[in-house]
Protein backbone atom coordinates (compact mmCIF):
# COMPACT_ATOMS: atom_id res chain seq x y z
CA MET A 1 -0.12 -0.19 -0.10
CA ARG A 2 2.54 2.59 -0.47
CA ALA A 3 5.86 4.44 -1.81
CA ALA A 4 7.25 6.62 -4.45
CA ALA A 5 8.93 4.23 -7.18
CA LEU A 6 6.45 3.81 -8.68
CA TYR A 7 6.50 7.38 -10.12
CA SER A 8 10.20 7.40 -10.33
CA ALA A 9 9.98 3.96 -12.41
CA ALA A 10 7.28 5.12 -14.50
CA GLY A 11 6.37 8.61 -15.11
CA SER A 12 4.15 7.85 -17.84
CA LEU A 13 1.73 5.81 -15.45
CA LEU A 14 -1.51 7.29 -16.37
CA LEU A 15 -3.82 8.22 -12.98
CA THR A 16 -6.96 10.12 -13.86
CA THR A 17 -7.44 12.43 -11.22
CA LEU A 18 -9.69 10.65 -8.58
CA ALA A 19 -11.57 13.66 -7.50
CA THR A 20 -13.79 13.44 -10.86
CA THR A 21 -14.26 9.78 -10.44
CA ALA A 22 -15.22 9.08 -6.57
CA PRO A 23 -18.01 10.27 -4.72
CA ALA A 24 -18.34 13.26 -2.90
CA GLN A 25 -15.83 13.49 0.25
CA ALA A 26 -16.37 14.78 3.77
CA ALA A 27 -13.85 17.84 4.22
CA PRO A 28 -11.48 17.12 7.65
CA PRO A 29 -13.29 18.48 11.12
CA ALA A 30 -12.13 21.74 12.17
CA PRO A 31 -10.47 21.68 15.18
CA GLY A 32 -13.86 23.05 17.13
CA SER A 33 -16.03 20.99 14.95
CA ALA A 34 -18.91 18.74 16.55
CA GLU A 35 -16.76 15.39 15.93
CA ALA A 36 -13.98 17.24 17.73
CA ARG A 37 -16.22 18.42 20.81
CA GLY A 38 -17.48 14.77 20.83
CA THR A 39 -14.08 13.47 21.15
CA ALA A 40 -13.73 15.68 24.07
CA VAL A 41 -17.03 14.49 25.76
CA ALA A 42 -15.83 10.86 24.96
CA ALA A 43 -12.76 11.24 26.71
CA GLY A 44 -13.96 13.00 29.56
CA ARG A 45 -15.99 10.40 30.22
CA ALA A 46 -13.68 7.76 29.41
CA ALA A 47 -11.18 9.09 32.11
CA ALA A 48 -14.16 9.61 34.82
CA ALA A 49 -14.82 5.63 34.71
CA GLY A 50 -11.95 4.17 33.67
CA ILE A 51 -10.95 0.03 33.11
CA ALA A 52 -12.20 -2.53 35.20
CA PHE A 53 -9.79 -4.75 34.15
CA GLY A 54 -10.29 -8.33 34.37
CA ASP A 55 -10.29 -11.79 32.48
CA CYS A 56 -9.68 -11.75 29.43
CA PRO A 57 -12.66 -12.68 26.69
CA LYS A 58 -12.14 -16.16 26.07
CA ALA A 59 -12.60 -16.18 22.60
CA GLU A 60 -9.37 -14.52 22.15
CA ASP A 61 -7.10 -17.20 24.08
CA LEU A 62 -4.85 -14.84 25.94
CA PRO A 63 -2.70 -16.16 28.83
CA GLY A 64 -4.43 -15.65 32.50
CA GLY A 65 -1.78 -13.54 33.72
CA MET A 66 -3.04 -10.59 31.07
CA ARG A 67 -5.92 -8.32 31.82
CA CYS A 68 -8.18 -7.27 29.64
CA GLY A 69 -11.25 -4.46 29.90
CA THR A 70 -13.27 -2.16 27.63
CA VAL A 71 -13.57 1.14 26.88
CA LYS A 72 -16.89 2.91 25.52
CA VAL A 73 -16.24 5.00 22.54
CA PRO A 74 -19.46 6.43 20.40
CA LEU A 75 -20.08 5.42 17.15
CA ASP A 76 -20.08 9.04 15.86
CA TYR A 77 -18.26 11.66 17.55
CA ALA A 78 -20.59 14.03 16.14
CA HIS A 79 -23.34 12.33 18.28
CA PRO A 80 -21.29 11.20 21.71
CA ASP A 81 -24.54 10.64 23.42
CA GLY A 82 -25.62 7.83 20.23
CA LYS A 83 -24.96 4.86 20.03
CA GLN A 84 -21.64 3.22 21.62
CA LEU A 85 -19.05 0.70 21.06
CA ARG A 86 -16.71 -1.19 23.38
CA LEU A 87 -13.09 -1.60 22.49
CA THR A 88 -11.24 -4.39 24.27
CA VAL A 89 -7.89 -3.30 26.10
CA SER A 90 -5.91 -5.95 26.96
CA ARG A 91 -2.85 -4.83 29.57
CA VAL A 92 0.44 -6.13 31.15
CA ARG A 93 2.09 -4.55 33.96
CA ALA A 94 5.56 -2.95 33.89
CA THR A 95 7.50 -5.37 35.86
CA HIS A 96 9.55 -2.94 37.17
CA LYS A 97 12.88 -5.18 36.41
CA ASP A 98 15.74 -4.46 34.64
CA PRO A 99 16.73 -7.69 32.73
CA ARG A 100 21.13 -6.17 33.17
CA ASN A 101 20.61 -5.63 36.70
CA PRO A 102 18.03 -7.45 38.98
CA LYS A 103 18.56 -5.33 42.12
CA ARG A 104 17.84 -2.84 40.58
CA LYS A 105 13.90 -1.35 40.56
CA VAL A 106 12.96 0.28 37.41
CA PRO A 107 10.44 3.55 37.76
CA GLY A 108 7.54 2.96 36.07
CA GLN A 109 6.52 5.41 32.84
CA GLY A 110 3.00 4.78 31.96
CA ALA A 111 1.31 2.76 29.46
CA LEU A 112 2.57 2.20 25.64
CA LEU A 113 -0.04 1.29 23.70
CA TYR A 114 0.39 -0.38 20.25
CA ASN A 115 -1.23 -0.62 17.11
CA PRO A 116 0.06 -3.66 14.93
CA GLY A 117 -1.70 -2.55 11.53
CA GLY A 118 -3.96 -3.74 8.87
CA PRO A 119 -6.11 -2.06 9.12
CA GLY A 120 -7.72 -4.92 10.78
CA GLY A 121 -5.04 -6.08 12.41
CA SER A 122 -5.86 -6.81 16.58
CA GLY A 123 -2.87 -5.38 18.77
CA LEU A 124 -4.46 -7.91 21.70
CA HIS A 125 -1.51 -10.48 21.95
CA PHE A 126 1.35 -7.29 22.34
CA PRO A 127 1.27 -7.58 25.96
CA LEU A 128 2.87 -10.95 25.40
CA VAL A 129 5.99 -9.04 24.09
CA GLY A 130 7.52 -8.56 27.16
CA THR A 131 8.67 -11.79 27.92
CA VAL A 132 10.64 -11.45 24.67
CA PRO A 133 14.61 -10.54 25.55
CA ALA A 134 14.37 -7.64 23.59
CA TRP A 135 11.42 -6.20 25.28
CA LYS A 136 12.14 -7.01 28.76
CA ARG A 137 13.82 -3.52 29.44
CA ILE A 138 10.89 -1.80 28.43
CA ALA A 139 8.49 -4.24 29.58
CA GLY A 140 10.38 -3.16 33.19
CA ALA A 141 9.13 0.69 32.57
CA TYR A 142 6.12 0.27 31.01
CA ASP A 143 2.70 -1.05 31.22
CA LEU A 144 2.53 -3.20 27.71
CA VAL A 145 -0.92 -1.92 26.31
CA GLY A 146 -3.07 -3.72 23.38
CA TYR A 147 -6.60 -3.26 21.79
CA ALA A 148 -8.89 -4.38 19.45
CA PRO A 149 -9.88 -1.38 17.24
CA ARG A 150 -13.32 -0.93 16.14
CA GLY A 151 -14.80 -3.17 14.48
CA VAL A 152 -12.17 -5.88 15.40
CA ALA A 153 -13.26 -8.87 17.00
CA PRO A 154 -14.54 -8.41 19.99
CA SER A 155 -14.66 -4.89 19.47
CA ALA A 156 -17.80 -4.75 17.86
CA PRO A 157 -16.60 -6.78 15.15
CA LEU A 158 -17.42 -5.73 10.85
CA SER A 159 -18.18 -8.40 8.68
CA CYS A 160 -19.21 -8.18 5.09
CA GLN A 161 -20.03 -12.05 4.12
CA ASP A 162 -20.54 -15.61 5.26
CA PRO A 163 -17.21 -16.55 6.91
CA GLY A 164 -17.76 -20.06 5.60
CA ASP A 165 -17.62 -18.30 2.06
CA PHE A 166 -14.15 -16.00 2.56
CA PHE A 167 -11.79 -18.31 1.60
CA LYS A 168 -12.64 -19.21 -2.06
CA GLY A 169 -9.88 -21.95 -3.04
CA PRO A 170 -8.05 -23.22 -5.21
CA ARG A 171 -8.00 -20.49 -7.66
CA PRO A 172 -6.08 -19.01 -10.45
CA ALA A 173 -3.27 -15.85 -10.45
CA PRO A 174 -3.52 -15.22 -13.98
CA THR A 175 -0.40 -12.46 -13.84
CA GLN A 176 -1.84 -11.28 -17.72
CA PRO A 177 -6.17 -11.68 -16.41
CA SER A 178 -8.42 -12.15 -19.57
CA ASP A 179 -11.60 -9.67 -20.16
CA ALA A 180 -13.93 -12.65 -18.63
CA TYR A 181 -11.58 -12.97 -15.60
CA LYS A 182 -11.43 -9.58 -14.81
CA LYS A 183 -15.45 -9.09 -15.21
CA GLU A 184 -15.86 -12.35 -12.90
CA ARG A 185 -13.42 -10.40 -10.50
CA ALA A 186 -15.28 -7.35 -10.51
CA ALA A 187 -18.68 -9.12 -9.83
CA GLU A 188 -17.39 -10.02 -6.84
CA ALA A 189 -16.07 -6.80 -5.52
CA GLU A 190 -19.57 -5.30 -6.30
CA ALA A 191 -21.64 -8.09 -4.63
CA TYR A 192 -19.04 -7.51 -1.99
CA ALA A 193 -19.13 -3.92 -1.32
CA ARG A 194 -22.56 -4.05 -1.22
CA GLY A 195 -22.51 -7.12 1.56
CA CYS A 196 -20.84 -4.69 3.82
CA ALA A 197 -23.22 -2.20 3.06
CA GLU A 198 -26.21 -4.83 3.89
CA ARG A 199 -24.62 -6.07 7.35
CA ALA A 200 -23.37 -3.20 8.80
CA GLY A 201 -25.88 -0.53 7.65
CA GLY A 202 -25.47 2.82 8.61
CA SER A 203 -23.27 2.05 10.67
CA LEU A 204 -20.54 1.51 8.15
CA ARG A 205 -19.69 4.93 7.47
CA HIS A 206 -18.08 5.59 10.81
CA TYR A 207 -14.97 2.60 10.45
CA HIS A 208 -12.50 5.48 8.94
CA SER A 209 -8.93 6.28 10.26
CA LEU A 210 -10.12 9.84 11.61
CA ASN A 211 -12.49 7.80 14.07
CA ASN A 212 -9.89 5.55 14.69
CA ALA A 213 -7.70 8.27 15.96
CA ARG A 214 -10.06 9.35 17.82
CA ASP A 215 -10.45 6.18 19.78
CA LEU A 216 -7.06 6.24 20.78
CA GLU A 217 -7.74 9.71 22.37
CA VAL A 218 -10.45 8.01 24.33
CA VAL A 219 -8.70 5.41 25.31
CA ARG A 220 -5.42 7.16 26.51
CA ALA A 221 -8.00 8.97 28.64
CA ALA A 222 -9.79 5.92 30.23
CA LEU A 223 -6.04 4.80 30.98
CA GLY A 224 -5.53 8.05 32.99
CA GLU A 225 -2.31 9.00 30.94
CA GLU A 226 -2.30 12.81 30.70
CA ARG A 227 -0.37 12.29 27.40
CA LEU A 228 0.26 9.22 24.81
CA SER A 229 2.98 6.98 24.51
CA PHE A 230 2.16 5.08 21.46
CA MET A 231 3.98 2.68 19.34
CA GLY A 232 2.57 1.91 15.47
CA ALA A 233 3.25 -0.30 13.09
CA SER A 234 2.63 -0.96 9.01
CA TYR A 235 -1.08 0.92 9.04
CA GLY A 236 -0.42 1.67 12.76
CA THR A 237 1.65 4.82 11.46
CA TYR A 238 -0.53 6.24 9.72
CA LEU A 239 -2.78 5.93 12.99
CA GLY A 240 -0.21 7.40 14.54
CA ALA A 241 0.66 10.13 12.36
CA LEU A 242 -3.37 11.26 12.40
CA TYR A 243 -3.12 11.34 16.28
CA ALA A 244 -0.26 13.50 16.18
CA GLU A 245 -1.90 16.16 13.94
CA LEU A 246 -5.15 15.86 16.13
CA PHE A 247 -3.97 15.83 19.37
CA PRO A 248 -0.15 16.82 19.25
CA ALA A 249 -0.32 17.99 23.23
CA ARG A 250 -0.86 14.70 23.72
CA VAL A 251 1.41 12.79 22.31
CA ARG A 252 3.84 11.71 25.32
CA ARG A 253 6.32 9.38 22.66
CA MET A 254 5.84 7.78 19.53
CA VAL A 255 7.14 5.15 17.07
CA PHE A 256 6.66 4.50 14.10
CA ASP A 257 7.36 1.17 12.30
CA SER A 258 7.51 0.63 8.66
CA VAL A 259 5.62 3.43 7.53
CA VAL A 260 2.86 4.04 5.24
CA ASN A 261 2.87 6.91 3.16
CA PRO A 262 1.00 9.53 4.83
CA ASP A 263 0.68 11.82 2.03
CA PRO A 264 -3.12 12.99 0.87
CA ALA A 265 -2.54 12.35 -2.44
CA MET A 266 -1.21 8.78 -1.91
CA VAL A 267 -4.14 7.89 0.19
CA TRP A 268 -5.20 4.90 -0.27
CA TYR A 269 -5.20 3.52 -4.40
CA ARG A 270 -1.88 5.23 -5.43
CA ASN A 271 -0.03 3.81 -2.08
CA ASN A 272 -1.40 0.37 -3.54
CA LEU A 273 0.21 0.74 -6.92
CA GLU A 274 3.64 1.47 -5.29
CA GLN A 275 3.17 -1.69 -2.86
CA SER A 276 2.29 -3.98 -6.05
CA GLU A 277 5.68 -2.01 -7.30
CA ALA A 278 7.69 -2.86 -4.44
CA PHE A 279 6.79 -6.37 -4.20
CA GLU A 280 8.09 -7.20 -7.47
CA ASP A 281 11.46 -5.89 -5.97
CA ARG A 282 11.07 -7.45 -3.07
CA TRP A 283 9.84 -11.18 -4.65
CA ASP A 284 13.44 -10.62 -7.04
CA ASP A 285 15.43 -10.22 -3.46
CA PHE A 286 13.95 -13.66 -2.58
CA LYS A 287 14.47 -15.48 -5.67
CA GLU A 288 18.15 -14.20 -5.55
CA TRP A 289 18.51 -15.81 -2.05
CA ILE A 290 16.82 -19.07 -3.28
CA ALA A 291 19.14 -19.49 -6.10
CA GLY A 292 22.33 -18.91 -3.62
CA HIS A 293 20.83 -22.23 -1.86
CA ASP A 294 20.14 -23.89 -5.05
CA ALA A 295 22.57 -26.83 -3.74
CA VAL A 296 20.29 -26.92 -0.64
CA TYR A 297 16.43 -26.25 -2.88
CA GLY A 298 17.67 -27.32 -6.55
CA LEU A 299 15.11 -25.01 -7.48
CA GLY A 300 17.82 -23.22 -9.92
CA ASP A 301 20.87 -21.34 -9.37
CA THR A 302 19.69 -17.95 -11.43
CA PRO A 303 16.56 -15.69 -10.19
CA ARG A 304 15.73 -16.59 -13.82
CA GLN A 305 15.73 -20.94 -13.07
CA VAL A 306 14.17 -19.83 -9.70
CA GLN A 307 11.33 -17.87 -11.52
CA ASN A 308 10.90 -20.88 -13.84
CA SER A 309 10.04 -24.04 -11.17
CA TYR A 310 7.98 -21.24 -9.32
CA GLU A 311 6.08 -21.08 -12.71
CA GLU A 312 5.90 -24.97 -13.43
CA ALA A 313 4.37 -25.40 -9.98
CA SER A 314 1.85 -22.60 -10.52
CA GLU A 315 1.09 -24.84 -14.07
CA ARG A 316 0.37 -27.77 -12.06
CA LEU A 317 -1.52 -26.49 -9.47
CA ALA A 318 -4.07 -25.21 -12.18
CA ALA A 319 -4.16 -28.56 -13.50
CA GLU A 320 -4.64 -30.89 -10.05
CA PRO A 321 -4.55 -28.63 -7.08
CA ALA A 322 -2.31 -29.53 -4.53
CA GLY A 323 -4.78 -31.16 -0.93
CA GLY A 324 -7.84 -30.00 -3.64
CA THR A 325 -6.77 -26.68 -2.07
CA VAL A 326 -4.44 -25.09 -3.16
CA GLY A 327 -3.76 -24.00 -6.73
CA PRO A 328 -2.11 -20.81 -8.36
CA ALA A 329 -3.38 -18.13 -6.25
CA GLN A 330 -3.02 -20.35 -2.72
CA LEU A 331 1.00 -20.22 -3.53
CA GLN A 332 1.19 -16.67 -4.62
CA GLY A 333 -0.43 -15.85 -0.93
CA ALA A 334 1.73 -17.66 0.53
CA PHE A 335 5.05 -16.31 -1.51
CA LEU A 336 3.62 -13.26 -1.16
CA ARG A 337 3.63 -13.59 2.62
CA ALA A 338 7.69 -14.38 2.31
CA GLY A 339 7.87 -11.31 0.62
CA TYR A 340 6.96 -9.59 4.08
CA TYR A 341 9.12 -11.44 6.59
CA ASP A 342 12.32 -12.94 5.04
CA ASP A 343 12.28 -15.57 8.18
CA TYR A 344 9.48 -17.30 5.75
CA TRP A 345 11.52 -18.06 3.13
CA PRO A 346 13.70 -20.83 4.02
CA HIS A 347 10.36 -22.20 4.89
CA ARG A 348 8.24 -21.59 1.40
CA ALA A 349 11.88 -22.51 -0.48
CA GLU A 350 11.43 -26.37 1.00
CA ALA A 351 7.93 -26.66 0.54
CA LEU A 352 8.00 -25.15 -2.78
CA SER A 353 11.03 -27.92 -3.40
CA ALA A 354 9.28 -30.72 -1.95
CA TYR A 355 5.48 -30.03 -4.04
CA LEU A 356 7.99 -30.20 -7.83
CA LYS A 357 9.90 -33.43 -6.03
CA GLY A 358 6.06 -34.43 -5.38
CA ASP A 359 5.47 -34.20 -2.00
CA PRO A 360 2.95 -31.82 -1.94
CA GLN A 361 2.72 -31.94 2.21
CA PRO A 362 4.58 -29.17 3.47
CA LEU A 363 2.86 -26.76 0.77
CA VAL A 364 -0.91 -27.58 1.91
CA ASP A 365 0.38 -27.27 5.75
CA GLN A 366 1.32 -23.78 4.69
CA ALA A 367 -0.71 -22.42 1.68
CA GLY A 368 -4.01 -24.87 2.69
CA THR A 369 -7.74 -23.85 3.81
CA ARG A 370 -7.74 -22.72 7.02
CA THR A 371 -9.91 -23.74 9.87
CA ALA A 372 -13.77 -22.49 10.63
CA LYS A 373 -12.70 -20.37 13.36
CA GLY A 374 -9.19 -19.13 11.29
CA ALA A 375 -11.83 -18.15 8.71
CA LYS A 376 -13.82 -16.17 10.70
CA GLY A 377 -11.07 -14.25 12.14
CA ALA A 378 -9.77 -13.48 8.69
CA GLU A 379 -13.06 -13.00 7.14
CA ASN A 380 -13.23 -10.03 9.83
CA ALA A 381 -10.17 -9.03 9.18
CA ASN A 382 -10.82 -8.15 5.94
CA ALA A 383 -14.01 -6.38 6.48
CA VAL A 384 -12.53 -3.94 8.71
CA TYR A 385 -9.45 -3.72 6.08
CA THR A 386 -11.90 -2.65 3.60
CA ALA A 387 -13.85 -0.66 5.08
CA VAL A 388 -11.50 1.73 6.65
CA GLU A 389 -9.61 2.34 3.60
CA CYS A 390 -12.94 2.76 1.19
CA ASN A 391 -14.29 4.87 4.12
CA ASP A 392 -10.58 6.97 4.14
CA ALA A 393 -10.32 8.51 0.59
CA ALA A 394 -11.27 8.51 -2.89
CA TRP A 395 -10.79 6.02 -5.24
CA PRO A 396 -11.81 5.28 -9.02
CA THR A 397 -15.16 4.53 -9.66
CA ASP A 398 -15.02 3.33 -13.17
CA PHE A 399 -12.73 0.00 -13.42
CA GLU A 400 -11.58 1.06 -16.75
CA VAL A 401 -8.85 3.46 -14.56
CA TRP A 402 -7.83 0.18 -12.53
CA ASP A 403 -7.54 -1.66 -15.59
CA ARG A 404 -5.79 0.52 -17.58
CA ASP A 405 -3.19 1.39 -14.06
CA ASN A 406 -2.56 -1.99 -13.29
CA THR A 407 -2.40 -3.71 -16.84
CA ARG A 408 0.84 -1.27 -17.33
CA LEU A 409 1.88 -1.58 -13.98
CA ALA A 410 1.79 -5.54 -14.25
CA ARG A 411 4.07 -5.57 -17.13
CA ARG A 412 7.20 -4.95 -14.68
CA ALA A 413 5.49 -5.92 -11.71
CA PRO A 414 3.51 -8.94 -11.73
CA PHE A 415 4.16 -10.75 -9.16
CA GLU A 416 1.55 -9.16 -6.80
CA THR A 417 -0.15 -6.44 -9.32
CA TRP A 418 -3.31 -8.33 -9.64
CA ASP A 419 -4.21 -9.67 -6.38
CA ASN A 420 -3.75 -6.43 -4.62
CA VAL A 421 -6.18 -5.20 -7.48
CA TRP A 422 -8.68 -7.82 -6.30
CA THR A 423 -8.24 -7.15 -2.67
CA ASN A 424 -8.78 -3.61 -2.92
CA LEU A 425 -11.54 -3.72 -6.18
CA PRO A 426 -14.88 -3.59 -3.02
CA CYS A 427 -13.52 0.27 -2.76
CA ALA A 428 -14.64 1.13 -6.50
CA TYR A 429 -18.23 0.08 -5.89
CA TRP A 430 -18.44 2.20 -2.10
CA ARG A 431 -22.15 2.96 -1.44
CA VAL A 432 -21.41 5.52 1.51
CA PRO A 433 -19.55 8.94 1.50
CA ARG A 434 -15.86 9.53 1.95
CA GLN A 435 -13.84 10.95 4.33
CA ARG A 436 -10.92 13.76 2.59
CA PRO A 437 -7.91 12.43 4.47
CA LEU A 438 -5.77 15.35 6.51
CA ASP A 439 -2.65 17.22 5.31
CA VAL A 440 -0.51 15.78 8.54
CA ARG A 441 1.91 18.77 9.40
CA THR A 442 3.80 19.48 12.47
CA VAL A 443 5.60 22.81 13.12
CA PRO A 444 8.87 23.16 15.51
CA GLY A 445 7.76 22.21 19.05
CA GLU A 446 4.12 21.57 18.10
CA LEU A 447 4.99 17.86 18.54
CA PRO A 448 7.52 16.08 21.00
CA PRO A 449 10.75 14.56 19.03
CA THR A 450 9.43 10.97 17.55
CA LEU A 451 11.07 8.22 16.04
CA ILE A 452 10.65 6.63 12.94
CA LEU A 453 12.09 3.01 12.13
CA ALA A 454 12.16 1.20 8.65
CA ALA A 455 13.76 -1.12 6.44
CA GLU A 456 14.66 0.27 3.31
CA ARG A 457 13.86 -2.95 0.80
CA ASP A 458 10.50 -2.82 2.53
CA ALA A 459 7.58 -3.91 0.33
CA ALA A 460 4.56 -3.75 2.41
CA THR A 461 5.55 -0.38 3.68
CA PRO A 462 7.94 1.10 0.70
CA TYR A 463 10.72 3.17 1.80
CA GLU A 464 9.63 6.47 0.70
CA GLY A 465 7.04 6.40 3.36
CA ALA A 466 9.07 7.53 5.98
CA LEU A 467 10.99 9.77 4.35
CA GLU A 468 7.65 11.45 3.32
CA LEU A 469 6.54 11.12 7.44
CA ARG A 470 10.00 12.30 8.20
CA ARG A 471 9.42 15.44 6.39
CA ARG A 472 6.20 16.19 7.31
CA LEU A 473 6.79 15.59 11.23
CA SER A 474 9.03 18.00 13.17
CA GLY A 475 11.79 17.14 15.38
CA SER A 476 11.49 13.49 14.09
CA VAL A 477 14.43 11.24 13.48
CA LEU A 478 14.48 8.42 10.74
CA VAL A 479 16.69 4.83 12.00
CA THR A 480 17.22 2.87 8.48
CA GLU A 481 17.79 -0.61 8.66
CA ARG A 482 19.92 -0.63 5.07
CA ASP A 483 19.90 -3.26 2.41
CA ALA A 484 16.76 -5.35 5.05
CA GLY A 485 13.14 -5.60 3.70
CA THR A 486 11.39 -7.24 6.64
CA HIS A 487 8.34 -5.61 7.39
CA GLY A 488 8.55 -4.09 11.06
CA VAL A 489 12.19 -3.78 12.48
CA ALA A 490 11.42 -2.64 16.61
CA GLY A 491 12.34 -5.68 19.08
CA GLY A 492 13.52 -7.96 16.25
CA PRO A 493 17.45 -9.11 15.44
CA ASN A 494 18.62 -6.21 14.72
CA ALA A 495 20.15 -5.04 17.93
CA CYS A 496 21.71 -1.72 16.64
CA VAL A 497 17.18 -1.13 15.74
CA ASN A 498 16.76 -2.34 19.11
CA GLY A 499 19.31 0.21 20.95
CA HIS A 500 17.60 3.30 19.36
CA LEU A 501 13.90 2.35 20.56
CA GLU A 502 15.05 1.84 24.17
CA ALA A 503 16.96 4.83 24.02
CA TYR A 504 14.05 6.32 22.99
CA LEU A 505 11.40 4.85 24.77
CA LEU A 506 13.44 4.26 28.31
CA GLN A 507 15.18 8.14 28.13
CA GLY A 508 13.63 10.12 25.27
CA ARG A 509 17.03 9.99 23.56
CA LEU A 510 17.24 10.40 19.68
CA PRO A 511 19.63 10.34 17.47
CA ALA A 512 21.62 13.67 16.11
CA ARG A 513 20.24 13.73 12.98
CA ASN A 514 18.99 10.24 10.61
CA THR A 515 20.94 7.48 10.48
CA SER A 516 21.38 3.63 10.14
CA CYS A 517 21.59 0.44 10.91
CA ALA A 518 23.75 -2.43 9.35
CA PRO A 519 20.91 -5.14 7.75
CA ARG A 520 19.95 -7.99 10.13
CA PRO A 521 21.75 -11.14 9.43
CA GLU A 522 19.63 -12.99 6.18
CA PRO A 523 18.04 -16.65 7.08
CA GLU A 524 19.85 -19.63 7.49
CA PRO A 525 18.41 -22.36 4.39
CA SER A 526 16.32 -24.96 5.74
CA PRO A 527 17.69 -28.66 5.45
CA ALA A 528 16.58 -30.51 1.88
CA PRO A 529 13.38 -32.45 1.88
């Protein structure tokens, strides 16, 4: 969903002006608007009520040591006395222990609230990171707090279709789809958008990023925090940027990890074009890694030969799906996830190698149909993702625009382009008014110093997004993991990145200027299948 590589690589790509093709947009509310007043009312009530932490919902499979509670937020901030939603919040208290000095009692610094992105991701499991060695110093000082944003189960969950119908497999994954196939997928997208409208009714229009940012303000108040310490990853960085624009005086510390480009002109159609471009580069990185381990996997000793092996597997799966569930689209989806996280590289390469040697089981295990519980969660996450992105901004409403832009893009970036189209195409048929993205910009002294983290070859949130946010947030500092592409770098295996994260969260200390860290080690290959 992000970055500027697309324009630099393809200045000839024609993008129809969205304002002429999309429904009317709602102007961003002014500071004294009904929404701003409603947020103040809701935050005041939340501060008075607090959060009654107790057992966590059983359906979330959270450990007994974690405590959960709920916070009421208005569905519509312009009407704070109207319908309320209950957001589920999870917390593990600060340990006040220093893993480097067991005798030292660490003073508390309040709550650190986390959003994992999506949109549609749940942060309820976030407090568990306190048990990971890289997070223990931070867990000593902060109450680690996660939450399920509006629409994400169990926080008034959204749904757009029967979860039993969500996973459609096996399916093709044409990189040059026929007109008939495009027509079929456009009809599915229109039906999905209609399902969202029918199931959510008049509430649907209130699931968007501006309300997510207002919800953060209410959760802050409910936690009893005068100012917010927040960490967002992926889409969570966009949410944090909106909060910083709307409530700068309420920011204490803020970490942006793997940054969505916040330029209003990029949200969200152009960001998705940029993402498709970037995934092609990341797919090339993966193929090069596989080729470098040809002695292990036997998939070819050049990226072109690895591509041939992948295409051979896709053709076989089109003729006979593995395990009756894995077709070309499921293969592509499994390898797309490897574009996010290079920890997956050995497992995916091993599965592809085994499949081509006659053993489909590893591929079925990694890419096959999920359980009913998994389908329910995935359908909910996709419903929230779709609602938020479609509500947030204008999208082309003429499929010819999508077709032209992505046909041209797919000529040089075929790996992810059309899959990205099918994911987001419901926004072409969306039935509610759109928001207008905020122009996030802060002036010197308006916002405390903030920390931006980014991997240079991240495909999900291409690097230009981090550069753009750095330009827009005065006083922010960017730490780059060079020549790395894993999505989400905080608290991982890079000690240099983690050192900057700890210095900022624990001491409020940032580098004097933008800086970089050497990349994490590449993954080691798995044993030959």
